[in-house]
């Protein structure tokens, strides 16, 4: 896989910097005064650049309010460091493109089923790049809305950038702020590089869905209310397309208050987010998981003030050959490691059950972690998680709980004692665990090597709980 990824990098870098001409959007009527709607002028520049196959559309310093911008093949969109594309507030019947029809929308969340209701979007394109240190700003406009406003006829958007069924794509250096449901949604995008991107947004940061041959590197993503960098394999394309051959490396994810990462203050005043748990901001595989995750590497990444690593397949996806290494975490509000095999099955009839076979986790250091849910590895009775290796793991838990805390919770709510494989997968859904270090259930084949777990405060629960676990081994 690494040789293939290196070839991909060379290909995309060659494309991105071989441009015949630079087209300034001011020459096509863009004003950049923060008031005039400039999307039509930018569209004209993009259309002209696409006809010339390889031109760059350049946005000089200025503030460019826009509705939907329509990307095209063989175009680089470059933003000056002092250029901002602003999501413009809809006016009467003027606004963003409506979400297109998708006959397979029942299998995943609304946001994953539509791309046109975005600030920038493209479909069936190739050889495109978005670069430069400028800002894409959706503050006060981009939402989790579904089309027309409930209170008026205005047309709303819920994503900053959405691409569907594209190839040879590079997103480099650009900043994203307050971008609604997704800062970047990429579905069926192959041969993809995302590098040096900064996103500080109100819901998901970078979503990579049904994509192959992908590099994400040197990105900084802050998402208080949702996931920062997330791989998915939904059924949004109407075909079973996997997410595979992916490297995520040298990235930072966090859950600071929205906007305070980009302004440098990194505030932590918000402690409860929409799902009633703590700050999110993590790297995750899932939850949309209809097809397959294969050959995934996450390495040399840092988690701060957020949830831990989540590896989830609940809709029928086979999760195979995934590796996580050299990761540091600090101030973690739920399980440092969460591996979940479930049976939600939001997939077409006949989709086989989810499977997990081959997860390797190595060189992980965690400080100041919530001990309620432990490191949680949870398969299903009759369908266990298989072949997990965790080595060189050091976790410092907050501790401070008692067995009575665990028992009282179970007495109050029978949900925590049910199988609940069909529910949304999240560590808090399992409730306080009967152990503070590891809770392992329905697993066949697990190696724990050189594991060090400590407590900041005493905790009455045992270090490890296991149920229906076979072929388990410990090694120094």
Protein backbone atom coordinates (compact mmCIF):
# COMPACT_ATOMS: atom_id res chain seq x y z
CA UNK A 1 0.00 0.00 0.00
CA UNK A 2 2.76 2.49 0.80
CA UNK A 3 4.29 2.31 -2.69
CA UNK A 4 0.85 2.92 -4.14
CA UNK A 5 0.28 5.94 -1.90
CA UNK A 6 3.66 7.42 -2.81
CA UNK A 7 2.80 7.09 -6.48
CA UNK A 8 -0.50 8.81 -5.80
CA UNK A 9 1.26 11.71 -4.07
CA UNK A 10 3.60 12.22 -7.00
CA UNK A 11 0.69 12.18 -9.44
CA UNK A 12 -1.37 14.74 -7.56
CA UNK A 13 1.52 17.08 -6.87
CA UNK A 14 2.39 17.00 -10.54
CA UNK A 15 -1.16 17.92 -11.48
CA UNK A 16 -1.54 20.66 -8.89
CA UNK A 17 1.41 22.75 -9.96
CA UNK A 18 1.29 22.39 -13.74
CA UNK A 19 -1.14 25.15 -14.66
CA UNK A 20 -1.26 27.00 -17.95
CA UNK A 21 -2.84 30.24 -16.76
CA UNK A 22 -4.08 32.13 -13.69
CA UNK A 23 -7.58 33.60 -13.92
CA UNK A 24 -8.40 36.31 -11.38
CA UNK A 25 -12.05 36.22 -10.33
CA UNK A 26 -12.12 40.05 -10.35
CA UNK A 27 -11.78 39.84 -14.14
CA UNK A 28 -15.05 37.88 -14.24
CA UNK A 29 -17.03 40.35 -12.16
CA UNK A 30 -16.30 39.31 -8.58
CA UNK A 31 -16.19 42.27 -6.18
CA UNK A 32 -14.91 40.85 -2.89
CA UNK A 33 -16.44 43.67 -0.82
CA UNK A 34 -18.23 41.43 1.68
CA UNK A 35 -21.64 42.54 0.36
CA UNK A 36 -22.04 41.66 -3.31
CA UNK A 37 -22.90 38.03 -4.12
CA UNK A 38 -19.86 36.73 -6.03
CA UNK A 39 -20.74 33.07 -6.70
CA UNK A 40 -21.87 33.66 -10.30
CA UNK A 41 -18.63 35.46 -11.13
CA UNK A 42 -16.56 32.69 -9.55
CA UNK A 43 -18.58 30.11 -11.50
CA UNK A 44 -17.77 31.97 -14.75
CA UNK A 45 -14.06 31.87 -13.93
CA UNK A 46 -14.23 28.15 -13.09
CA UNK A 47 -16.04 27.36 -16.34
CA UNK A 48 -13.40 29.26 -18.35
CA UNK A 49 -10.54 27.51 -16.53
CA UNK A 50 -12.12 24.11 -17.13
CA UNK A 51 -12.33 24.77 -20.85
CA UNK A 52 -8.56 25.40 -20.87
CA UNK A 53 -7.89 22.18 -18.89
CA UNK A 54 -5.54 23.10 -16.10
CA UNK A 55 -5.95 26.81 -15.39
CA UNK A 56 -6.02 28.22 -11.86
CA UNK A 57 -8.89 30.36 -10.60
CA UNK A 58 -7.44 32.84 -8.11
CA UNK A 59 -9.26 34.77 -5.39
CA UNK A 60 -7.17 37.74 -4.29
CA UNK A 61 -7.56 39.46 -0.91
CA UNK A 62 -11.22 40.19 -0.16
CA UNK A 63 -14.44 38.83 1.27
CA UNK A 64 -16.59 37.00 -1.27
CA UNK A 65 -20.19 36.24 -0.19
CA UNK A 66 -21.44 33.27 -2.21
CA UNK A 67 -24.25 30.82 -2.74
CA UNK A 68 -23.44 27.43 -4.30
CA UNK A 69 -20.17 27.42 -6.27
CA UNK A 70 -20.00 24.75 -8.97
CA UNK A 71 -16.61 23.08 -9.30
CA UNK A 72 -15.45 21.58 -12.60
CA UNK A 73 -12.76 19.22 -13.86
CA UNK A 74 -9.17 20.28 -14.49
CA UNK A 75 -9.36 23.39 -12.31
CA UNK A 76 -7.42 24.61 -9.29
CA UNK A 77 -9.23 27.06 -7.01
CA UNK A 78 -6.61 29.06 -5.10
CA UNK A 79 -7.35 31.48 -2.26
CA UNK A 80 -5.02 34.26 -1.21
CA UNK A 81 -4.24 34.03 2.52
CA UNK A 82 -6.42 37.12 3.05
CA UNK A 83 -9.27 35.88 0.86
CA UNK A 84 -12.50 34.58 2.42
CA UNK A 85 -15.36 32.77 0.74
CA UNK A 86 -18.37 33.61 2.90
CA UNK A 87 -21.54 31.57 3.00
CA UNK A 88 -24.07 34.25 2.08
CA UNK A 89 -27.36 34.49 3.95
CA UNK A 90 -30.26 33.40 1.71
CA UNK A 91 -32.65 36.11 0.57
CA UNK A 92 -36.29 35.38 -0.25
CA UNK A 93 -36.16 32.66 -2.95
CA UNK A 94 -32.44 33.12 -3.60
CA UNK A 95 -29.95 30.82 -2.00
CA UNK A 96 -28.20 27.50 -2.37
CA UNK A 97 -28.86 24.55 -4.63
CA UNK A 98 -31.48 22.19 -3.27
CA UNK A 99 -30.50 18.66 -2.18
CA UNK A 100 -30.79 16.30 -5.12
CA UNK A 101 -32.95 13.16 -5.11
CA UNK A 102 -31.22 10.03 -3.81
CA UNK A 103 -33.21 6.76 -3.88
CA UNK A 104 -30.80 5.25 -1.33
CA UNK A 105 -31.14 8.03 1.25
CA UNK A 106 -32.90 5.81 3.81
CA UNK A 107 -29.65 3.95 4.56
CA UNK A 108 -27.67 6.85 6.05
CA UNK A 109 -28.16 10.26 7.63
CA UNK A 110 -29.58 13.02 5.41
CA UNK A 111 -26.28 14.86 5.22
CA UNK A 112 -24.53 11.83 3.75
CA UNK A 113 -27.17 11.36 1.07
CA UNK A 114 -26.91 14.77 -0.67
CA UNK A 115 -24.12 16.97 -2.01
CA UNK A 116 -25.68 19.82 -4.02
CA UNK A 117 -26.95 21.75 -0.97
CA UNK A 118 -23.44 23.03 -0.26
CA UNK A 119 -21.37 26.19 -0.49
CA UNK A 120 -19.07 24.42 -2.97
CA UNK A 121 -19.78 21.12 -4.70
CA UNK A 122 -18.77 18.93 -7.62
CA UNK A 123 -19.86 15.59 -9.05
CA UNK A 124 -18.18 13.22 -11.55
CA UNK A 125 -15.07 15.41 -11.79
CA UNK A 126 -11.36 14.74 -12.14
CA UNK A 127 -8.15 16.67 -11.62
CA UNK A 128 -9.33 19.34 -9.21
CA UNK A 129 -7.56 21.18 -6.42
CA UNK A 130 -8.49 23.67 -3.72
CA UNK A 131 -5.48 25.35 -2.20
CA UNK A 132 -4.10 28.49 -0.62
CA UNK A 133 -4.33 29.69 2.98
CA UNK A 134 -7.63 31.52 2.58
CA UNK A 135 -10.76 30.89 4.64
CA UNK A 136 -14.07 29.17 3.88
CA UNK A 137 -16.45 30.70 6.43
CA UNK A 138 -19.98 29.42 7.01
CA UNK A 139 -20.61 31.28 10.27
CA UNK A 140 -24.29 31.89 10.94
CA UNK A 141 -25.41 30.39 7.62
CA UNK A 142 -24.36 26.76 7.12
CA UNK A 143 -26.49 24.48 9.30
CA UNK A 144 -27.68 20.88 9.62
CA UNK A 145 -30.75 21.94 7.65
CA UNK A 146 -32.37 19.78 4.98
CA UNK A 147 -33.19 22.24 2.18
CA UNK A 148 -35.69 25.06 2.47
CA UNK A 149 -35.94 26.94 5.75
CA UNK A 150 -38.84 25.87 7.97
CA UNK A 151 -39.87 29.49 8.45
CA UNK A 152 -39.51 30.86 4.92
CA UNK A 153 -38.87 29.95 1.29
CA UNK A 154 -35.15 30.59 1.56
CA UNK A 155 -32.84 27.78 0.47
CA UNK A 156 -30.21 26.75 3.03
CA UNK A 157 -26.99 24.74 2.78
CA UNK A 158 -25.41 22.36 5.27
CA UNK A 159 -21.87 21.76 3.97
CA UNK A 160 -18.90 23.88 2.97
CA UNK A 161 -17.40 21.49 0.41
CA UNK A 162 -18.97 18.32 -1.03
CA UNK A 163 -17.56 16.08 -3.76
CA UNK A 164 -19.17 12.96 -5.19
CA UNK A 165 -17.65 10.39 -7.56
CA UNK A 166 -14.49 12.37 -8.30
CA UNK A 167 -10.89 11.39 -9.01
CA UNK A 168 -7.49 13.02 -8.55
CA UNK A 169 -8.39 15.60 -5.91
CA UNK A 170 -6.11 17.71 -3.74
CA UNK A 171 -7.22 19.99 -0.87
CA UNK A 172 -4.26 21.84 0.58
CA UNK A 173 -3.69 24.59 3.14
CA UNK A 174 -7.20 26.03 3.23
CA UNK A 175 -9.02 26.94 6.47
CA UNK A 176 -12.66 26.09 7.27
CA UNK A 177 -14.77 27.78 9.96
CA UNK A 178 -18.32 27.01 11.19
CA UNK A 179 -19.29 24.86 8.24
CA UNK A 180 -22.57 23.24 9.27
CA UNK A 181 -23.05 19.48 9.10
CA UNK A 182 -19.72 18.94 7.30
CA UNK A 183 -16.73 21.11 6.57
CA UNK A 184 -15.62 18.61 3.92
CA UNK A 185 -17.74 15.69 2.66
CA UNK A 186 -16.05 13.39 0.15
CA UNK A 187 -18.04 10.43 -1.18
CA UNK A 188 -16.67 8.09 -3.82
CA UNK A 189 -13.56 10.25 -4.24
CA UNK A 190 -10.50 8.23 -5.29
CA UNK A 191 -6.86 9.33 -5.50
CA UNK A 192 -7.22 12.01 -2.86
CA UNK A 193 -4.81 14.11 -0.82
CA UNK A 194 -5.89 16.41 2.02
CA UNK A 195 -2.97 18.22 3.62
CA UNK A 196 -2.30 21.19 5.91
CA UNK A 197 -6.01 21.92 6.27
CA UNK A 198 -7.28 23.69 9.40
CA UNK A 199 -10.94 23.21 10.29
CA UNK A 200 -12.70 24.67 13.34
CA UNK A 201 -16.33 23.84 12.87
CA UNK A 202 -19.65 23.18 14.55
CA UNK A 203 -20.23 19.56 13.43
CA UNK A 204 -18.12 17.04 11.43
CA UNK A 205 -14.76 18.15 10.10
CA UNK A 206 -13.48 15.86 7.32
CA UNK A 207 -15.72 12.95 6.25
CA UNK A 208 -14.20 10.41 3.85
CA UNK A 209 -16.91 8.03 2.65
CA UNK A 210 -16.47 5.17 0.14
CA UNK A 211 -13.09 6.56 -0.95
CA UNK A 212 -9.96 4.72 -2.09
CA UNK A 213 -6.29 5.68 -2.22
CA UNK A 214 -6.33 8.53 0.26
CA UNK A 215 -3.74 10.53 2.23
CA UNK A 216 -4.73 12.92 5.03
CA UNK A 217 -1.71 14.59 6.59
CA UNK A 218 -0.71 17.56 8.75
CA UNK A 219 -4.33 18.61 9.28
CA UNK A 220 -5.68 20.28 12.43
CA UNK A 221 -9.38 19.68 13.02
CA UNK A 222 -11.39 21.02 15.98
CA UNK A 223 -14.99 19.81 16.28
CA UNK A 224 -16.62 20.24 19.67
CA UNK A 225 -19.99 18.77 18.67
CA UNK A 226 -19.04 15.94 16.31
CA UNK A 227 -16.18 13.92 14.82
CA UNK A 228 -13.02 15.56 13.50
CA UNK A 229 -11.65 13.13 10.92
CA UNK A 230 -13.97 10.24 10.14
CA UNK A 231 -13.92 7.39 7.65
CA UNK A 232 -17.24 5.92 6.56
CA UNK A 233 -18.52 3.45 3.98
CA UNK A 234 -22.21 4.22 3.56
CA UNK A 235 -24.64 3.11 0.85
CA UNK A 236 -25.14 6.70 -0.33
CA UNK A 237 -23.79 5.93 -3.82
CA UNK A 238 -26.26 3.08 -4.30
CA UNK A 239 -23.43 0.57 -4.72
CA UNK A 240 -21.27 -1.28 -2.18
CA UNK A 241 -18.06 0.74 -2.53
CA UNK A 242 -15.43 0.29 0.23
CA UNK A 243 -13.18 2.77 1.95
CA UNK A 244 -9.66 1.39 1.58
CA UNK A 245 -6.00 2.24 1.14
CA UNK A 246 -6.10 5.22 3.50
CA UNK A 247 -3.31 6.87 5.47
CA UNK A 248 -4.06 9.49 8.13
CA UNK A 249 -0.84 10.86 9.58
CA UNK A 250 0.59 13.73 11.63
CA UNK A 251 -2.84 15.21 12.36
CA UNK A 252 -4.25 16.98 15.44
CA UNK A 253 -7.87 16.59 16.53
CA UNK A 254 -9.64 18.31 19.42
CA UNK A 255 -12.97 19.36 20.94
CA UNK A 256 -12.38 22.91 22.15
CA UNK A 257 -15.24 25.42 22.05
CA UNK A 258 -16.20 26.19 18.44
CA UNK A 259 -13.98 28.88 16.91
CA UNK A 260 -11.52 28.98 19.78
CA UNK A 261 -8.99 26.70 18.14
CA UNK A 262 -8.62 28.95 15.12
CA UNK A 263 -8.40 32.10 17.25
CA UNK A 264 -5.81 30.45 19.50
CA UNK A 265 -7.66 30.68 22.83
CA UNK A 266 -8.65 26.95 23.00
CA UNK A 267 -11.51 27.45 25.43
CA UNK A 268 -13.19 24.56 27.27
CA UNK A 269 -16.38 26.09 28.66
CA UNK A 270 -18.79 23.73 26.87
CA UNK A 271 -18.93 20.36 28.62
CA UNK A 272 -22.10 18.81 27.14
CA UNK A 273 -22.69 18.48 23.38
CA UNK A 274 -25.84 17.52 21.40
CA UNK A 275 -25.61 13.80 22.21
CA UNK A 276 -25.39 14.74 25.93
CA UNK A 277 -21.83 13.52 26.28
CA UNK A 278 -18.54 15.44 26.43
CA UNK A 279 -16.59 17.10 23.60
CA UNK A 280 -16.24 14.90 20.49
CA UNK A 281 -13.38 15.94 18.17
CA UNK A 282 -11.88 12.49 17.53
CA UNK A 283 -10.70 10.22 14.70
CA UNK A 284 -13.32 7.57 13.97
CA UNK A 285 -14.18 4.73 11.60
CA UNK A 286 -18.01 4.55 11.30
CA UNK A 287 -20.85 4.87 12.08
CA UNK A 288 -22.16 4.65 8.48
CA UNK A 289 -20.68 1.24 7.65
CA UNK A 290 -22.53 -0.66 4.91
CA UNK A 291 -19.67 -1.90 2.73
CA UNK A 292 -16.05 -2.33 3.96
CA UNK A 293 -13.06 -0.73 5.66
CA UNK A 294 -9.81 -2.25 4.44
CA UNK A 295 -6.12 -1.37 4.68
CA UNK A 296 -6.34 1.71 6.89
CA UNK A 297 -3.34 3.31 8.66
CA UNK A 298 -3.65 6.04 11.31
CA UNK A 299 -0.28 7.12 12.71
CA UNK A 300 1.52 9.91 14.53
CA UNK A 301 -1.64 11.78 15.54
CA UNK A 302 -2.63 13.76 18.61
CA UNK A 303 -5.99 13.94 20.44
CA UNK A 304 -6.65 16.81 22.88
CA UNK A 305 -9.76 17.57 24.98
CA UNK A 306 -11.97 15.16 23.06
CA UNK A 307 -13.15 11.57 22.86
CA UNK A 308 -10.83 8.67 22.16
CA UNK A 309 -10.22 6.57 19.07
CA UNK A 310 -13.43 4.91 17.79
CA UNK A 311 -13.52 1.89 15.47
CA UNK A 312 -17.10 0.94 14.63
CA UNK A 313 -18.90 -1.25 12.11
CA UNK A 314 -22.64 -1.72 12.64
CA UNK A 315 -24.34 -1.76 9.21
CA UNK A 316 -22.72 -4.78 7.54
CA UNK A 317 -19.20 -3.58 6.73
CA UNK A 318 -16.21 -5.90 6.98
CA UNK A 319 -13.46 -4.10 8.89
CA UNK A 320 -10.11 -5.67 8.06
CA UNK A 321 -6.43 -4.85 8.32
CA UNK A 322 -6.53 -1.53 10.16
CA UNK A 323 -3.55 -0.18 12.07
CA UNK A 324 -3.17 2.66 14.59
CA UNK A 325 0.23 3.66 15.91
CA UNK A 326 2.17 6.44 17.65
CA UNK A 327 -0.85 8.29 18.98
CA UNK A 328 -0.95 10.57 22.03
CA UNK A 329 -4.13 11.61 23.83
CA UNK A 330 -4.75 14.12 26.62
CA UNK A 331 -7.94 15.06 28.50
CA UNK A 332 -10.11 12.28 27.06
CA UNK A 333 -13.80 12.29 28.03
CA UNK A 334 -14.72 8.66 27.26
CA UNK A 335 -13.07 5.40 26.16
CA UNK A 336 -9.48 5.96 24.96
CA UNK A 337 -10.01 2.98 22.63
CA UNK A 338 -13.47 1.89 21.51
CA UNK A 339 -13.92 -1.07 19.14
CA UNK A 340 -17.56 -1.91 18.42
CA UNK A 341 -19.18 -4.55 16.22
CA UNK A 342 -22.96 -4.01 16.09
CA UNK A 343 -26.16 -4.93 14.31
CA UNK A 344 -27.88 -1.64 13.40
CA UNK A 345 -27.95 -2.74 9.72
CA UNK A 346 -29.01 0.45 7.97
CA UNK A 347 -28.26 -1.27 4.65
CA UNK A 348 -30.15 -2.95 1.80
CA UNK A 349 -31.84 -6.25 2.56
CA UNK A 350 -29.44 -9.15 2.18
CA UNK A 351 -26.35 -7.25 3.40
CA UNK A 352 -24.27 -9.69 5.50
CA UNK A 353 -23.53 -8.90 9.15
CA UNK A 354 -20.64 -6.67 10.12
CA UNK A 355 -17.30 -8.30 10.91
CA UNK A 356 -14.05 -7.17 12.52
CA UNK A 357 -10.91 -9.14 11.76
CA UNK A 358 -7.44 -7.67 12.16
CA UNK A 359 -7.00 -4.52 14.26
CA UNK A 360 -3.48 -3.55 15.35
CA UNK A 361 -2.91 -0.78 17.90
CA UNK A 362 0.64 0.12 18.94
CA UNK A 363 2.46 2.88 20.84
CA UNK A 364 -0.47 4.75 22.37
CA UNK A 365 -0.02 7.16 25.30
CA UNK A 366 -3.09 8.50 27.09
CA UNK A 367 -3.19 10.99 29.98
CA UNK A 368 -6.16 12.19 32.03
CA UNK A 369 -8.81 9.83 30.66
CA UNK A 370 -12.35 9.28 31.91
CA UNK A 371 -12.52 5.86 33.59
CA UNK A 372 -16.30 5.31 33.35
CA UNK A 373 -16.17 3.27 30.15
CA UNK A 374 -12.57 1.93 30.17
CA UNK A 375 -10.98 0.80 26.90
CA UNK A 376 -14.06 -0.90 25.49
CA UNK A 377 -13.87 -3.78 22.99
CA UNK A 378 -17.38 -5.08 22.37
CA UNK A 379 -18.44 -7.65 19.77
CA UNK A 380 -21.68 -9.63 19.56
CA UNK A 381 -22.67 -13.00 20.92
CA UNK A 382 -22.14 -15.43 18.05
CA UNK A 383 -20.25 -12.82 16.01
CA UNK A 384 -17.13 -11.87 17.95
CA UNK A 385 -14.50 -9.29 17.14
CA UNK A 386 -11.49 -11.28 15.89
CA UNK A 387 -7.74 -10.81 16.01
CA UNK A 388 -7.02 -7.63 17.92
CA UNK A 389 -3.48 -6.74 18.96
CA UNK A 390 -2.79 -3.91 21.42
CA UNK A 391 0.81 -3.25 22.37
CA UNK A 392 2.83 -0.55 24.11
CA UNK A 393 -0.21 1.13 25.60
CA UNK A 394 0.02 3.53 28.53
CA UNK A 395 -3.20 4.97 29.99
CA UNK A 396 -3.61 7.28 32.97
CA UNK A 397 -7.25 7.18 34.12
CA UNK A 398 -8.97 9.64 36.43
CA UNK A 399 -10.58 6.83 38.44
CA UNK A 400 -12.68 7.75 41.46
CA UNK A 401 -15.61 5.34 40.95
CA UNK A 402 -16.99 2.53 43.07
CA UNK A 403 -18.75 -0.74 42.38
CA UNK A 404 -21.85 0.93 43.78
CA UNK A 405 -21.71 3.51 40.96
CA UNK A 406 -21.76 0.64 38.48
CA UNK A 407 -24.54 -1.29 40.22
CA UNK A 408 -26.77 1.75 40.80
CA UNK A 409 -26.58 2.73 37.14
CA UNK A 410 -27.66 -0.73 36.05
CA UNK A 411 -30.51 -0.67 38.53
CA UNK A 412 -31.76 2.68 37.24
CA UNK A 413 -31.68 1.78 33.56
CA UNK A 414 -32.05 -1.71 32.14
CA UNK A 415 -30.81 -0.44 28.77
CA UNK A 416 -27.24 -0.82 29.94
CA UNK A 417 -27.77 -4.50 30.72
CA UNK A 418 -29.42 -5.30 27.38
CA UNK A 419 -27.51 -6.45 24.31
CA UNK A 420 -28.20 -3.13 22.49
CA UNK A 421 -26.32 -4.13 19.32
CA UNK A 422 -28.86 -2.19 17.23
CA UNK A 423 -28.32 1.17 18.93
CA UNK A 424 -26.03 4.00 17.89
CA UNK A 425 -22.48 2.92 18.81
CA UNK A 426 -20.96 5.16 21.45
CA UNK A 427 -19.06 4.29 24.66
CA UNK A 428 -21.64 6.07 26.81
CA UNK A 429 -24.37 3.78 25.40
CA UNK A 430 -22.78 0.91 27.34
CA UNK A 431 -22.84 2.82 30.61
CA UNK A 432 -20.29 2.69 33.43
CA UNK A 433 -18.25 -0.46 33.00
CA UNK A 434 -17.50 -3.08 35.68
CA UNK A 435 -13.77 -2.36 35.27
CA UNK A 436 -11.74 0.82 34.96
CA UNK A 437 -9.00 -0.32 32.56
CA UNK A 438 -10.36 -2.74 29.95
CA UNK A 439 -13.86 -4.08 29.34
CA UNK A 440 -13.77 -6.85 26.73
CA UNK A 441 -16.83 -8.79 25.58
CA UNK A 442 -17.46 -11.23 22.70
CA UNK A 443 -13.92 -11.33 21.34
CA UNK A 444 -11.99 -14.20 19.77
CA UNK A 445 -8.25 -13.57 19.61
CA UNK A 446 -6.77 -10.65 21.50
CA UNK A 447 -3.17 -9.95 22.43
CA UNK A 448 -2.32 -7.37 25.10
CA UNK A 449 1.41 -6.66 25.18
CA UNK A 450 3.30 -4.19 27.37
CA UNK A 451 0.19 -2.57 28.81
CA UNK A 452 0.52 0.02 31.59
CA UNK A 453 -2.59 1.45 33.22
CA UNK A 454 -2.59 3.79 36.24
CA UNK A 455 -5.12 5.73 38.30
CA UNK A 456 -5.09 9.39 39.32
CA UNK A 457 -7.61 8.56 42.08
CA UNK A 458 -8.56 5.24 43.73
CA UNK A 459 -11.20 3.17 41.95
CA UNK A 460 -12.96 0.16 43.52
CA UNK A 461 -13.61 -1.65 40.25
CA UNK A 462 -11.14 -4.23 38.96
CA UNK A 463 -8.66 -3.36 36.24
CA UNK A 464 -10.04 -5.75 33.62
CA UNK A 465 -13.47 -7.23 32.95
CA UNK A 466 -14.00 -9.88 30.29
CA UNK A 467 -16.97 -11.91 29.11
CA UNK A 468 -17.15 -14.46 26.29
CA UNK A 469 -13.49 -13.95 25.40
CA UNK A 470 -11.38 -16.70 23.84
CA UNK A 471 -7.74 -16.88 22.75
CA UNK A 472 -6.68 -13.98 24.95
CA UNK A 473 -3.01 -13.57 25.84
CA UNK A 474 -0.91 -11.15 27.88
CA UNK A 475 2.74 -10.43 27.21
CA UNK A 476 5.35 -8.12 28.69
